[in-house]
N, C-alpha and C. Protein backbone atom coordinates (compact mmCIF):
# COMPACT_ATOMS: atom_id res chain seq x y z
N UNK A 1 84.90 -258.29 7.44
CA UNK A 1 86.02 -258.30 6.85
C UNK A 1 85.70 -257.37 5.62
N UNK A 2 86.59 -256.13 5.26
CA UNK A 2 86.05 -255.37 4.04
C UNK A 2 87.11 -255.74 3.08
N UNK A 3 86.48 -256.15 1.58
CA UNK A 3 87.29 -256.58 0.52
C UNK A 3 88.06 -255.40 -0.04
N UNK A 4 89.06 -255.81 -0.98
CA UNK A 4 89.79 -254.65 -1.81
C UNK A 4 88.92 -254.09 -2.31
N UNK A 5 87.97 -254.85 -3.11
CA UNK A 5 86.95 -254.15 -4.03
C UNK A 5 86.15 -252.97 -3.31
N UNK A 6 85.84 -253.19 -1.91
CA UNK A 6 85.11 -252.31 -1.17
C UNK A 6 86.13 -250.91 -0.93
N UNK A 7 87.17 -251.31 -0.45
CA UNK A 7 88.04 -250.32 -0.35
C UNK A 7 88.39 -249.36 -1.16
N UNK A 8 88.36 -249.75 -2.64
CA UNK A 8 88.43 -249.18 -3.72
C UNK A 8 87.47 -248.30 -4.14
N UNK A 9 86.01 -248.90 -3.92
CA UNK A 9 85.12 -247.97 -4.17
C UNK A 9 85.07 -246.95 -3.12
N UNK A 10 85.28 -247.15 -2.22
CA UNK A 10 85.27 -245.74 -0.99
C UNK A 10 86.35 -244.95 -1.50
N UNK A 11 87.57 -245.63 -1.86
CA UNK A 11 89.02 -244.64 -2.08
C UNK A 11 88.09 -243.73 -3.39
N UNK A 12 87.52 -244.27 -4.34
CA UNK A 12 87.34 -243.64 -5.53
C UNK A 12 86.60 -242.58 -4.95
N UNK A 13 85.46 -242.89 -4.57
CA UNK A 13 83.99 -241.94 -3.99
C UNK A 13 84.75 -240.81 -3.42
N UNK A 14 85.88 -240.97 -2.54
CA UNK A 14 86.42 -239.96 -1.75
C UNK A 14 87.20 -239.17 -2.66
N UNK A 15 87.92 -239.39 -3.73
CA UNK A 15 88.69 -239.10 -4.67
C UNK A 15 87.58 -237.89 -5.32
N UNK A 16 86.75 -238.50 -5.46
CA UNK A 16 85.66 -237.79 -6.52
C UNK A 16 85.31 -236.54 -6.00
N UNK A 17 84.99 -236.65 -4.72
CA UNK A 17 84.38 -235.80 -3.57
C UNK A 17 85.46 -234.70 -3.78
N UNK A 18 86.75 -235.18 -3.29
CA UNK A 18 88.04 -234.19 -3.15
C UNK A 18 88.13 -233.19 -4.51
N UNK A 19 87.67 -233.76 -5.78
CA UNK A 19 88.03 -233.23 -7.05
C UNK A 19 86.83 -232.03 -7.13
N UNK A 20 85.51 -232.30 -6.54
CA UNK A 20 84.45 -231.82 -7.13
C UNK A 20 84.09 -230.96 -5.91
N UNK A 21 84.91 -230.85 -5.01
CA UNK A 21 84.22 -229.94 -3.54
C UNK A 21 84.02 -228.27 -3.99
N UNK A 22 85.32 -228.09 -4.87
CA UNK A 22 85.29 -226.60 -4.86
C UNK A 22 84.03 -226.11 -5.68
N UNK A 23 83.69 -227.02 -6.62
CA UNK A 23 82.30 -226.66 -7.57
C UNK A 23 81.44 -226.76 -6.70
N UNK A 24 81.24 -227.93 -5.53
CA UNK A 24 79.98 -227.91 -5.02
C UNK A 24 80.15 -226.98 -4.08
N UNK A 25 80.93 -226.55 -3.44
CA UNK A 25 81.11 -225.21 -2.41
C UNK A 25 80.31 -223.96 -3.04
N UNK A 26 80.69 -223.88 -4.36
CA UNK A 26 80.31 -222.72 -5.16
C UNK A 26 78.97 -222.81 -5.47
N UNK A 27 78.48 -223.79 -5.45
CA UNK A 27 76.81 -224.00 -5.97
C UNK A 27 76.27 -223.89 -4.55
N UNK A 28 76.89 -224.43 -3.33
CA UNK A 28 76.00 -224.41 -1.95
C UNK A 28 76.02 -222.85 -1.76
N UNK A 29 77.16 -222.16 -1.94
CA UNK A 29 77.27 -220.39 -1.58
C UNK A 29 76.39 -219.88 -2.31
N UNK A 30 75.75 -220.32 -3.37
CA UNK A 30 74.79 -219.45 -4.15
C UNK A 30 73.20 -219.97 -3.81
N UNK A 31 73.07 -221.17 -3.31
CA UNK A 31 71.84 -221.55 -2.73
C UNK A 31 71.44 -221.90 -1.28
N UNK A 32 72.57 -221.45 -0.41
CA UNK A 32 72.55 -221.65 0.95
C UNK A 32 73.46 -220.62 1.61
N UNK A 33 73.00 -219.93 2.83
CA UNK A 33 73.46 -219.13 3.51
C UNK A 33 74.91 -219.71 4.25
N UNK A 34 75.94 -219.27 4.31
CA UNK A 34 77.01 -219.98 5.08
C UNK A 34 77.13 -219.38 6.50
N UNK A 35 77.71 -220.17 7.45
CA UNK A 35 77.97 -219.56 8.74
C UNK A 35 79.47 -219.22 8.66
N UNK A 36 79.84 -217.89 9.26
CA UNK A 36 81.26 -217.35 8.98
C UNK A 36 82.12 -218.39 9.86
N UNK A 37 81.54 -218.93 11.07
CA UNK A 37 82.43 -219.54 11.94
C UNK A 37 82.94 -221.10 11.12
N UNK A 38 81.96 -221.88 10.50
CA UNK A 38 82.45 -223.06 10.26
C UNK A 38 81.82 -223.10 8.69
N UNK A 39 81.59 -222.05 7.81
CA UNK A 39 81.38 -222.21 6.76
C UNK A 39 80.63 -223.36 6.42
N UNK A 40 79.47 -223.94 7.10
CA UNK A 40 78.64 -224.95 7.12
C UNK A 40 77.35 -224.14 6.41
N UNK A 41 76.92 -225.10 5.68
CA UNK A 41 75.66 -224.33 5.12
C UNK A 41 74.15 -224.10 6.26
N UNK A 42 73.59 -223.36 6.21
CA UNK A 42 72.59 -223.32 7.25
C UNK A 42 71.13 -223.56 6.16
N UNK A 43 70.67 -224.55 6.86
CA UNK A 43 69.35 -225.10 5.77
C UNK A 43 68.06 -224.89 6.90
N UNK A 44 66.96 -224.48 5.85
CA UNK A 44 65.91 -224.32 7.06
C UNK A 44 65.36 -225.59 7.09
N UNK A 45 64.21 -225.61 8.23
CA UNK A 45 63.91 -227.18 8.85
C UNK A 45 63.51 -228.18 7.65
N UNK A 46 62.60 -227.28 6.40
CA UNK A 46 62.33 -228.18 5.32
C UNK A 46 61.84 -227.11 4.25
N UNK A 47 62.04 -227.42 2.94
CA UNK A 47 61.73 -226.59 1.80
C UNK A 47 61.35 -227.11 0.82
N UNK A 48 60.34 -226.71 0.21
CA UNK A 48 60.11 -227.31 -1.32
C UNK A 48 60.40 -226.21 -2.14
N UNK A 49 60.80 -226.92 -3.59
CA UNK A 49 61.28 -225.97 -4.36
C UNK A 49 59.87 -226.03 -5.78
N UNK A 50 60.50 -225.06 -6.69
CA UNK A 50 59.34 -225.21 -7.66
C UNK A 50 59.11 -226.57 -8.57
N UNK A 51 60.26 -226.99 -8.43
CA UNK A 51 60.50 -228.65 -9.34
C UNK A 51 59.88 -229.35 -8.56
N UNK A 52 59.40 -229.45 -7.26
CA UNK A 52 58.65 -230.53 -6.41
C UNK A 52 59.88 -231.08 -5.79
N UNK A 53 61.19 -230.49 -5.70
CA UNK A 53 62.23 -231.12 -4.65
C UNK A 53 61.67 -230.79 -3.50
N UNK A 54 62.23 -231.49 -2.37
CA UNK A 54 61.99 -231.22 -0.88
C UNK A 54 63.50 -231.36 -0.57
N UNK A 55 64.16 -230.23 0.35
CA UNK A 55 65.08 -230.43 1.42
C UNK A 55 64.91 -230.44 2.50
N UNK A 56 65.69 -231.00 3.34
CA UNK A 56 65.64 -231.25 4.79
C UNK A 56 66.83 -231.50 5.51
N UNK A 57 67.09 -230.76 6.85
CA UNK A 57 68.30 -230.98 7.27
C UNK A 57 68.45 -232.44 7.98
N UNK A 58 69.82 -232.78 8.18
CA UNK A 58 69.80 -234.15 9.07
C UNK A 58 70.16 -233.60 10.37
N UNK A 59 69.63 -234.26 11.49
CA UNK A 59 70.26 -233.97 13.00
C UNK A 59 71.00 -234.77 13.46
N UNK A 60 71.62 -234.40 14.26
CA UNK A 60 72.61 -235.02 15.13
C UNK A 60 72.20 -236.09 16.08
N UNK A 61 72.30 -237.23 16.08
CA UNK A 61 72.09 -238.51 17.13
C UNK A 61 72.35 -237.91 18.27
N UNK A 62 71.54 -238.70 19.03
CA UNK A 62 71.48 -238.18 20.49
C UNK A 62 72.70 -238.51 21.21
N UNK A 63 73.56 -237.52 22.01
CA UNK A 63 74.56 -238.00 22.93
C UNK A 63 75.84 -237.59 22.13
N UNK A 64 75.95 -237.32 20.98
CA UNK A 64 77.12 -236.98 20.06
C UNK A 64 77.70 -235.70 19.74
N UNK A 65 77.12 -234.89 20.24
CA UNK A 65 77.28 -233.53 20.05
C UNK A 65 78.67 -233.06 20.44
N UNK A 66 78.87 -233.34 21.51
CA UNK A 66 80.46 -233.04 22.22
C UNK A 66 81.48 -233.59 21.30
N UNK A 67 81.53 -234.75 20.62
CA UNK A 67 82.51 -235.31 20.05
C UNK A 67 82.66 -234.82 18.48
N UNK A 68 81.45 -234.38 17.84
CA UNK A 68 81.18 -233.77 16.63
C UNK A 68 80.56 -232.70 16.66
N UNK A 69 80.99 -231.72 17.19
CA UNK A 69 80.21 -230.47 17.35
C UNK A 69 79.60 -229.93 16.00
N UNK A 70 80.62 -230.09 15.06
CA UNK A 70 80.06 -229.36 13.51
C UNK A 70 79.57 -230.27 12.81
N UNK A 71 79.26 -231.55 13.02
CA UNK A 71 78.61 -232.48 11.92
C UNK A 71 77.33 -232.09 11.61
N UNK A 72 77.03 -232.01 10.43
CA UNK A 72 75.77 -231.69 10.10
C UNK A 72 75.29 -232.34 8.47
N UNK A 73 74.37 -232.28 7.98
CA UNK A 73 73.99 -232.70 6.44
C UNK A 73 72.35 -232.26 6.32
N UNK A 74 72.35 -232.24 5.04
CA UNK A 74 70.90 -232.19 4.46
C UNK A 74 70.66 -233.17 3.12
N UNK A 75 69.54 -233.16 2.91
CA UNK A 75 69.10 -234.22 1.88
C UNK A 75 68.27 -233.54 0.78
N UNK A 76 68.14 -233.78 -0.35
CA UNK A 76 67.33 -233.08 -1.33
C UNK A 76 66.82 -234.32 -2.11
N UNK A 77 65.39 -234.45 -2.17
CA UNK A 77 65.01 -235.51 -2.98
C UNK A 77 64.15 -235.04 -4.13
N UNK A 78 64.34 -235.02 -5.22
CA UNK A 78 64.00 -234.58 -6.55
C UNK A 78 63.00 -235.72 -7.28
N UNK A 79 61.60 -235.63 -7.21
CA UNK A 79 60.71 -236.71 -7.73
C UNK A 79 60.79 -236.64 -9.37
N UNK A 80 60.84 -237.88 -9.91
CA UNK A 80 60.59 -237.94 -11.13
C UNK A 80 59.26 -238.60 -11.67
N UNK A 81 59.34 -239.13 -12.96
CA UNK A 81 57.90 -239.68 -13.60
C UNK A 81 58.07 -241.09 -13.12
N UNK A 82 59.23 -241.58 -13.04
CA UNK A 82 59.14 -243.41 -12.51
C UNK A 82 59.85 -243.44 -11.30
N UNK A 83 60.89 -242.54 -10.83
CA UNK A 83 61.43 -242.70 -9.27
C UNK A 83 61.77 -241.29 -8.97
N UNK A 84 62.72 -241.40 -8.13
CA UNK A 84 63.39 -240.22 -7.37
C UNK A 84 64.89 -240.33 -7.26
N UNK A 85 65.32 -238.87 -7.17
CA UNK A 85 66.79 -238.81 -7.13
C UNK A 85 66.97 -238.09 -5.77
N UNK A 86 67.74 -238.77 -4.85
CA UNK A 86 68.16 -238.34 -3.42
C UNK A 86 69.64 -237.89 -3.45
N UNK A 87 69.69 -236.89 -2.99
CA UNK A 87 71.29 -236.10 -2.86
C UNK A 87 71.58 -235.88 -1.45
N UNK A 88 72.34 -236.51 -0.96
CA UNK A 88 72.81 -236.45 0.33
C UNK A 88 74.33 -235.79 0.54
N UNK A 89 74.20 -234.87 1.59
CA UNK A 89 75.43 -233.94 1.92
C UNK A 89 75.58 -233.97 3.29
N UNK A 90 77.09 -234.04 3.51
CA UNK A 90 77.53 -234.46 4.87
C UNK A 90 78.58 -233.12 5.09
N UNK A 91 78.42 -232.45 6.16
CA UNK A 91 79.60 -231.52 6.20
C UNK A 91 80.09 -231.42 7.77
N UNK A 92 81.27 -230.97 7.98
CA UNK A 92 81.89 -230.78 9.32
C UNK A 92 81.83 -232.20 10.11
N UNK A 93 82.39 -233.20 9.11
CA UNK A 93 82.60 -234.62 9.82
C UNK A 93 83.95 -234.80 9.93
N UNK A 94 84.16 -235.80 10.54
CA UNK A 94 85.75 -236.23 10.74
C UNK A 94 86.12 -236.43 9.18
N UNK A 95 87.55 -235.76 9.23
CA UNK A 95 88.05 -235.91 7.76
C UNK A 95 88.35 -237.21 7.47
N UNK A 96 88.13 -237.72 6.08
CA UNK A 96 88.18 -238.99 5.32
C UNK A 96 87.64 -240.13 6.24
N UNK A 97 86.41 -239.90 6.71
CA UNK A 97 85.62 -240.62 7.31
C UNK A 97 84.44 -241.51 6.30
N UNK A 98 84.21 -242.46 6.71
CA UNK A 98 83.27 -243.42 5.85
C UNK A 98 81.86 -243.63 6.77
N UNK A 99 80.59 -243.27 5.87
CA UNK A 99 79.38 -243.38 6.48
C UNK A 99 78.74 -244.23 5.85
N UNK A 100 77.26 -244.67 5.97
CA UNK A 100 76.62 -245.42 5.59
C UNK A 100 75.10 -244.81 5.75
N UNK A 101 74.48 -244.80 4.53
CA UNK A 101 72.88 -244.23 4.64
C UNK A 101 72.01 -245.31 4.65
N UNK A 102 71.15 -245.18 5.32
CA UNK A 102 69.75 -246.08 5.28
C UNK A 102 68.63 -245.23 5.19
N UNK A 103 67.68 -245.79 4.45
CA UNK A 103 66.30 -245.33 4.73
C UNK A 103 65.43 -246.32 5.83
N UNK A 104 65.13 -245.81 6.81
CA UNK A 104 64.62 -246.27 7.98
C UNK A 104 63.00 -246.04 8.46
N UNK A 105 62.79 -247.06 9.15
CA UNK A 105 61.20 -246.87 9.64
C UNK A 105 61.15 -245.86 10.53
N UNK A 106 61.77 -245.55 11.63
CA UNK A 106 61.91 -245.01 12.92
C UNK A 106 63.48 -244.05 13.11
N UNK A 107 63.09 -243.13 13.24
CA UNK A 107 64.50 -242.10 12.93
C UNK A 107 65.50 -242.67 14.21
N UNK A 108 65.13 -243.09 15.22
CA UNK A 108 65.74 -243.18 16.27
C UNK A 108 65.65 -245.06 16.57
N UNK A 109 66.46 -245.33 17.99
CA UNK A 109 66.24 -246.85 18.16
C UNK A 109 64.79 -247.23 18.51
N UNK A 110 64.35 -248.39 18.05
CA UNK A 110 65.05 -249.33 17.44
C UNK A 110 64.94 -249.29 15.91
N UNK A 111 64.73 -248.50 15.26
CA UNK A 111 65.00 -247.86 13.91
C UNK A 111 63.99 -248.78 12.69
N UNK A 112 63.58 -249.88 13.44
CA UNK A 112 62.46 -250.63 12.62
C UNK A 112 63.48 -251.15 10.98
N UNK A 113 62.39 -251.51 10.36
CA UNK A 113 62.77 -251.94 8.95
C UNK A 113 63.84 -250.78 8.32
N UNK A 114 64.64 -251.24 7.94
CA UNK A 114 66.07 -250.45 7.35
C UNK A 114 66.52 -250.97 6.34
N UNK A 115 66.68 -250.18 5.11
CA UNK A 115 67.41 -250.46 3.93
C UNK A 115 68.39 -249.31 3.51
N UNK A 116 69.49 -250.48 3.30
CA UNK A 116 70.82 -249.84 2.73
C UNK A 116 70.88 -249.23 1.92
N UNK A 117 71.14 -247.96 1.54
CA UNK A 117 71.12 -247.27 0.43
C UNK A 117 72.56 -246.79 -0.35
N UNK A 118 73.46 -246.39 0.31
CA UNK A 118 74.83 -245.81 -0.15
C UNK A 118 75.87 -245.69 0.89
N UNK A 119 76.98 -245.68 0.51
CA UNK A 119 78.20 -245.06 1.30
C UNK A 119 78.36 -243.61 1.00
N UNK A 120 78.67 -242.91 2.08
CA UNK A 120 78.98 -241.46 1.92
C UNK A 120 80.12 -241.32 2.77
N UNK A 121 81.05 -240.72 1.95
CA UNK A 121 82.78 -240.74 2.38
C UNK A 121 83.10 -239.17 2.27
N UNK A 122 83.83 -238.82 3.56
CA UNK A 122 83.94 -237.40 3.36
C UNK A 122 85.68 -237.29 2.92
N UNK A 123 85.68 -236.25 2.61
CA UNK A 123 87.23 -235.82 1.98
C UNK A 123 88.00 -235.14 3.30
N UNK A 124 89.16 -234.57 2.91
CA UNK A 124 90.26 -234.04 4.06
C UNK A 124 89.31 -232.76 4.71
N UNK A 125 88.28 -232.24 4.24
CA UNK A 125 87.77 -230.84 4.37
C UNK A 125 86.54 -231.64 5.76
N UNK A 126 86.46 -232.98 5.63
CA UNK A 126 85.39 -233.38 5.99
C UNK A 126 83.68 -233.28 5.73
N UNK A 127 83.85 -233.25 4.21
CA UNK A 127 82.42 -232.85 3.41
C UNK A 127 82.39 -234.12 2.60
N UNK A 128 81.12 -234.33 2.38
CA UNK A 128 80.89 -235.62 1.85
C UNK A 128 79.52 -235.60 0.74
N UNK A 129 79.34 -236.11 -0.42
CA UNK A 129 78.07 -236.26 -0.91
C UNK A 129 77.98 -237.35 -1.73
N UNK A 130 76.63 -237.80 -1.93
CA UNK A 130 76.20 -239.04 -2.30
C UNK A 130 75.15 -239.03 -3.13
N UNK A 131 74.81 -239.38 -4.16
CA UNK A 131 73.39 -239.25 -5.24
C UNK A 131 73.08 -240.71 -5.36
N UNK A 132 71.60 -241.10 -4.97
CA UNK A 132 70.90 -242.36 -5.25
C UNK A 132 69.67 -242.41 -5.74
N UNK A 133 69.40 -243.16 -6.68
CA UNK A 133 68.04 -243.18 -7.48
C UNK A 133 67.44 -244.26 -7.11
N UNK A 134 65.99 -244.16 -6.88
CA UNK A 134 64.84 -245.02 -6.40
C UNK A 134 63.80 -244.56 -5.82
N UNK A 135 63.04 -244.94 -5.09
CA UNK A 135 61.63 -244.69 -4.82
C UNK A 135 61.69 -244.25 -3.18
N UNK A 136 61.72 -242.85 -3.31
CA UNK A 136 62.18 -242.17 -1.88
C UNK A 136 60.95 -240.99 -1.82
N UNK A 137 59.92 -241.66 -1.58
CA UNK A 137 58.70 -240.73 -1.63
C UNK A 137 57.53 -241.26 -0.50
N UNK A 138 56.31 -240.99 -0.53
CA UNK A 138 55.41 -241.44 0.03
C UNK A 138 54.90 -242.76 -0.32
N UNK A 139 55.60 -243.38 -1.21
CA UNK A 139 55.21 -244.58 -1.65
C UNK A 139 56.27 -245.65 -1.23
N UNK A 140 57.28 -245.35 -0.73
CA UNK A 140 58.25 -245.87 -0.01
C UNK A 140 57.98 -247.16 1.06
N UNK A 141 58.21 -248.24 0.72
CA UNK A 141 57.81 -249.39 1.74
C UNK A 141 58.49 -250.54 1.44
N UNK A 142 58.57 -251.46 2.56
CA UNK A 142 58.94 -252.87 2.21
C UNK A 142 57.76 -253.96 2.69
N UNK A 143 58.20 -255.11 2.07
CA UNK A 143 56.97 -256.01 2.42
C UNK A 143 57.76 -257.40 2.47
N UNK A 144 57.23 -258.35 3.42
CA UNK A 144 57.82 -259.68 3.43
C UNK A 144 56.47 -260.64 3.65
N UNK A 145 55.94 -261.03 2.44
CA UNK A 145 54.75 -262.00 2.51
C UNK A 145 55.34 -263.19 3.25
N UNK A 146 56.20 -263.71 3.29
CA UNK A 146 56.74 -264.87 3.69
C UNK A 146 58.14 -265.18 3.70
N UNK A 147 58.52 -266.57 4.09
CA UNK A 147 60.02 -266.83 3.88
C UNK A 147 60.46 -266.68 5.46
N UNK A 148 61.80 -266.50 5.71
CA UNK A 148 62.49 -266.25 6.79
C UNK A 148 61.90 -265.31 7.83
N UNK A 149 61.42 -264.09 7.28
CA UNK A 149 60.82 -263.28 8.08
C UNK A 149 59.48 -262.70 7.48
N UNK A 150 58.58 -262.35 8.28
CA UNK A 150 57.29 -262.29 7.86
C UNK A 150 56.76 -260.86 8.21
N UNK A 151 56.33 -259.88 7.28
CA UNK A 151 56.10 -258.63 7.88
C UNK A 151 55.06 -257.86 7.04
N UNK A 152 54.04 -257.26 7.34
CA UNK A 152 53.01 -256.60 6.21
C UNK A 152 53.82 -255.22 5.69
N UNK A 153 52.80 -254.66 4.51
CA UNK A 153 53.64 -253.82 3.76
C UNK A 153 54.12 -252.56 4.95
N UNK A 154 55.29 -252.07 5.04
CA UNK A 154 55.61 -251.20 6.39
C UNK A 154 56.54 -249.86 5.60
N UNK A 155 56.03 -248.69 5.82
CA UNK A 155 56.66 -247.60 5.04
C UNK A 155 57.95 -247.25 5.88
N UNK A 156 58.80 -246.50 5.12
CA UNK A 156 60.13 -246.20 5.47
C UNK A 156 60.24 -244.76 5.25
N UNK A 157 60.00 -243.91 5.89
CA UNK A 157 60.26 -242.59 5.87
C UNK A 157 61.17 -241.64 6.40
N UNK A 158 62.13 -242.58 7.12
CA UNK A 158 63.12 -241.38 7.68
C UNK A 158 64.55 -241.74 6.85
N UNK A 159 65.50 -241.04 7.31
CA UNK A 159 66.77 -241.11 6.83
C UNK A 159 67.90 -241.57 8.26
N UNK A 160 68.82 -242.18 8.20
CA UNK A 160 69.55 -242.37 8.99
C UNK A 160 71.00 -242.44 8.32
N UNK A 161 72.14 -241.95 9.10
CA UNK A 161 73.60 -242.02 8.51
C UNK A 161 74.57 -242.70 9.65
N UNK A 162 75.14 -243.79 9.48
CA UNK A 162 76.02 -244.54 10.58
C UNK A 162 77.40 -244.33 10.31
N UNK A 163 78.31 -244.10 11.54
CA UNK A 163 79.61 -244.50 11.11
C UNK A 163 80.10 -245.70 10.58
N UNK A 164 80.59 -245.67 9.41
CA UNK A 164 81.02 -247.21 9.02
C UNK A 164 81.91 -248.24 9.79
N UNK A 165 82.82 -247.40 10.40
CA UNK A 165 83.90 -248.13 11.43
C UNK A 165 83.69 -247.74 12.91
N UNK A 166 83.24 -248.66 13.41
CA UNK A 166 83.01 -248.70 14.86
C UNK A 166 83.84 -248.30 15.54
N UNK A 167 85.47 -247.95 15.64
CA UNK A 167 86.35 -247.43 16.10
C UNK A 167 86.50 -245.91 16.04
N UNK A 168 85.87 -245.72 14.81
CA UNK A 168 86.11 -243.81 14.93
C UNK A 168 85.10 -243.13 16.15
N UNK A 169 83.98 -243.30 16.30
CA UNK A 169 83.36 -242.76 17.04
C UNK A 169 83.81 -243.06 18.69
N UNK A 170 84.36 -244.38 18.78
CA UNK A 170 84.88 -244.66 20.17
C UNK A 170 85.98 -243.60 20.59
N UNK A 171 86.83 -243.84 19.33
CA UNK A 171 88.06 -242.88 19.49
C UNK A 171 87.78 -241.43 19.80
N UNK A 172 86.76 -240.86 19.38
CA UNK A 172 86.43 -239.57 19.31
C UNK A 172 85.55 -239.34 20.54
N UNK A 173 85.68 -240.13 21.36
CA UNK A 173 84.68 -239.95 22.63
C UNK A 173 83.24 -239.87 22.54
N UNK A 174 82.70 -240.16 21.40
CA UNK A 174 81.03 -240.52 21.43
C UNK A 174 80.59 -241.33 22.02
N UNK A 175 81.25 -242.29 23.18
CA UNK A 175 80.55 -243.40 23.64
C UNK A 175 81.08 -243.28 25.06
N UNK A 176 80.74 -242.37 25.66
CA UNK A 176 81.57 -242.06 27.26
C UNK A 176 80.82 -243.42 28.09
N UNK A 177 81.93 -244.15 28.63
CA UNK A 177 81.71 -245.00 29.80
C UNK A 177 81.83 -246.28 28.87
N UNK A 178 81.97 -246.48 27.55
CA UNK A 178 82.21 -247.87 26.98
C UNK A 178 83.70 -248.21 26.95
N UNK A 179 83.64 -249.27 27.03
CA UNK A 179 85.27 -249.84 27.39
C UNK A 179 85.60 -250.37 25.74
N UNK A 180 84.62 -250.71 24.98
CA UNK A 180 84.72 -251.09 23.65
C UNK A 180 83.76 -250.74 22.89
N UNK A 181 84.32 -250.45 21.62
CA UNK A 181 83.54 -249.63 20.67
C UNK A 181 81.82 -250.44 20.52
N UNK A 182 81.11 -249.70 20.38
CA UNK A 182 79.65 -249.88 20.09
C UNK A 182 79.60 -250.52 18.45
N UNK A 183 78.82 -251.66 18.29
CA UNK A 183 78.74 -252.27 16.89
C UNK A 183 77.53 -252.57 16.67
N UNK A 184 77.13 -251.88 15.61
CA UNK A 184 75.74 -252.29 14.96
C UNK A 184 75.93 -252.56 13.65
N UNK A 185 74.52 -253.27 12.95
CA UNK A 185 74.70 -253.66 11.69
C UNK A 185 74.38 -253.09 10.37
N UNK A 186 74.54 -251.92 10.94
CA UNK A 186 74.43 -251.01 9.67
C UNK A 186 75.04 -250.60 8.76
N UNK A 187 75.92 -251.41 7.98
CA UNK A 187 76.87 -251.22 6.80
C UNK A 187 76.82 -252.76 6.05
N UNK A 188 77.22 -252.72 4.78
CA UNK A 188 77.57 -253.81 4.24
C UNK A 188 78.00 -255.04 4.62
N UNK A 189 78.84 -255.09 5.82
CA UNK A 189 79.44 -256.20 6.47
C UNK A 189 78.70 -256.42 7.95
N UNK A 190 77.38 -255.56 7.90
CA UNK A 190 76.92 -255.64 9.13
C UNK A 190 78.00 -255.52 10.65
N UNK A 191 78.85 -254.68 10.36
CA UNK A 191 79.74 -254.19 11.83
C UNK A 191 80.19 -252.84 11.60
N UNK A 192 79.05 -251.88 11.76
CA UNK A 192 79.10 -250.88 11.64
C UNK A 192 79.05 -250.04 13.31
N UNK A 193 79.29 -248.57 13.13
CA UNK A 193 79.41 -247.82 14.30
C UNK A 193 78.08 -247.52 14.79
N UNK A 194 77.70 -246.16 15.81
CA UNK A 194 76.88 -245.77 16.24
C UNK A 194 76.05 -244.86 15.06
N UNK A 195 74.71 -244.58 15.07
CA UNK A 195 74.25 -243.49 14.21
C UNK A 195 74.65 -242.07 14.46
N UNK A 196 75.12 -241.41 13.25
CA UNK A 196 75.56 -240.17 13.64
C UNK A 196 74.73 -239.12 13.13
N UNK A 197 73.59 -239.23 12.22
CA UNK A 197 72.64 -238.09 12.12
C UNK A 197 71.42 -238.80 11.59
N UNK A 198 70.24 -238.11 11.68
CA UNK A 198 68.88 -238.73 11.25
C UNK A 198 67.94 -237.96 11.01
N UNK A 199 66.37 -238.02 11.03
CA UNK A 199 65.56 -237.13 10.69
C UNK A 199 64.56 -237.10 11.75
N UNK A 200 64.88 -237.12 13.13
CA UNK A 200 64.06 -237.15 14.06
C UNK A 200 63.30 -235.90 14.48
N UNK A 201 63.43 -234.92 13.62
CA UNK A 201 62.76 -233.71 14.21
C UNK A 201 61.56 -233.86 13.33
N UNK A 202 61.25 -234.70 12.38
CA UNK A 202 60.07 -235.23 11.83
C UNK A 202 59.39 -236.29 12.90
N UNK A 203 58.12 -236.16 12.79
CA UNK A 203 56.91 -237.16 13.51
C UNK A 203 57.60 -238.55 13.19
N UNK A 204 57.49 -239.51 13.97
CA UNK A 204 57.86 -240.77 13.88
C UNK A 204 57.34 -241.25 12.75
N UNK A 205 56.04 -241.29 12.59
CA UNK A 205 55.30 -242.10 11.44
C UNK A 205 55.10 -241.29 10.49
N UNK A 206 55.80 -239.79 10.23
CA UNK A 206 55.53 -239.21 9.00
C UNK A 206 56.93 -238.33 8.78
N UNK A 207 57.79 -239.05 8.37
CA UNK A 207 59.11 -238.73 8.23
C UNK A 207 59.13 -237.83 6.81
N UNK A 208 60.11 -237.33 6.73
CA UNK A 208 60.64 -236.35 5.31
C UNK A 208 60.13 -237.15 3.94
N UNK A 209 60.39 -238.39 3.72
CA UNK A 209 60.13 -238.92 2.70
C UNK A 209 58.48 -238.87 2.34
N UNK A 210 57.60 -238.93 3.22
CA UNK A 210 56.21 -238.75 3.43
C UNK A 210 55.63 -237.49 2.61
N UNK A 211 56.57 -236.61 2.75
CA UNK A 211 55.97 -235.36 2.04
C UNK A 211 56.28 -234.94 0.40
N UNK A 212 57.18 -236.15 0.03
CA UNK A 212 57.42 -236.30 -1.39
C UNK A 212 56.56 -237.04 -2.36
N UNK A 213 55.92 -236.62 -3.27
CA UNK A 213 55.04 -236.86 -3.97
C UNK A 213 55.62 -237.04 -5.55
N UNK A 214 55.24 -237.90 -6.25
CA UNK A 214 55.59 -238.03 -7.89
C UNK A 214 54.31 -237.76 -8.78
């Protein structure tokens, strides 16, 4: 069950995106080429800049191109002296939709060790952005020396984005043959939809975060 506090957080984020979309679109137009048909940014497979930032696209998850044909996104990670800033952009998404971003061990099933980072909420144009700060580089890892779960130091070099509401991809026809929505644990309530975007264009054990260095 989603609390009023969580609903307010998502609503505020969506409002902020709506107010800033014109400014963001202008910035994108100056730094990225745009397709005439969809005005979606065209991002090179991976690009490093003079300040050490690394930008890479997000790839549609398997089997959903027909239901969200214009969905895409990209991530820019800027390393700092103590940690990194990760900026996530989503475009061509369902309007006013909520997504959840994870740093993950494997880009596709079974995903492996996964770390919840942020919500990404789209506005009425299907555009959304989020910025998070943490360690998103070659040193990113999780470890559990003991307790209810035990595992050794494990790097997480990939990014995955999930539909927050399992009903949305089901209604869009992203789950052909399913009689009920597919539910996954990839949101704060552990009741999310299927994966929408990922970084599977990179090797399984050498995701984009492995290319970022502080």
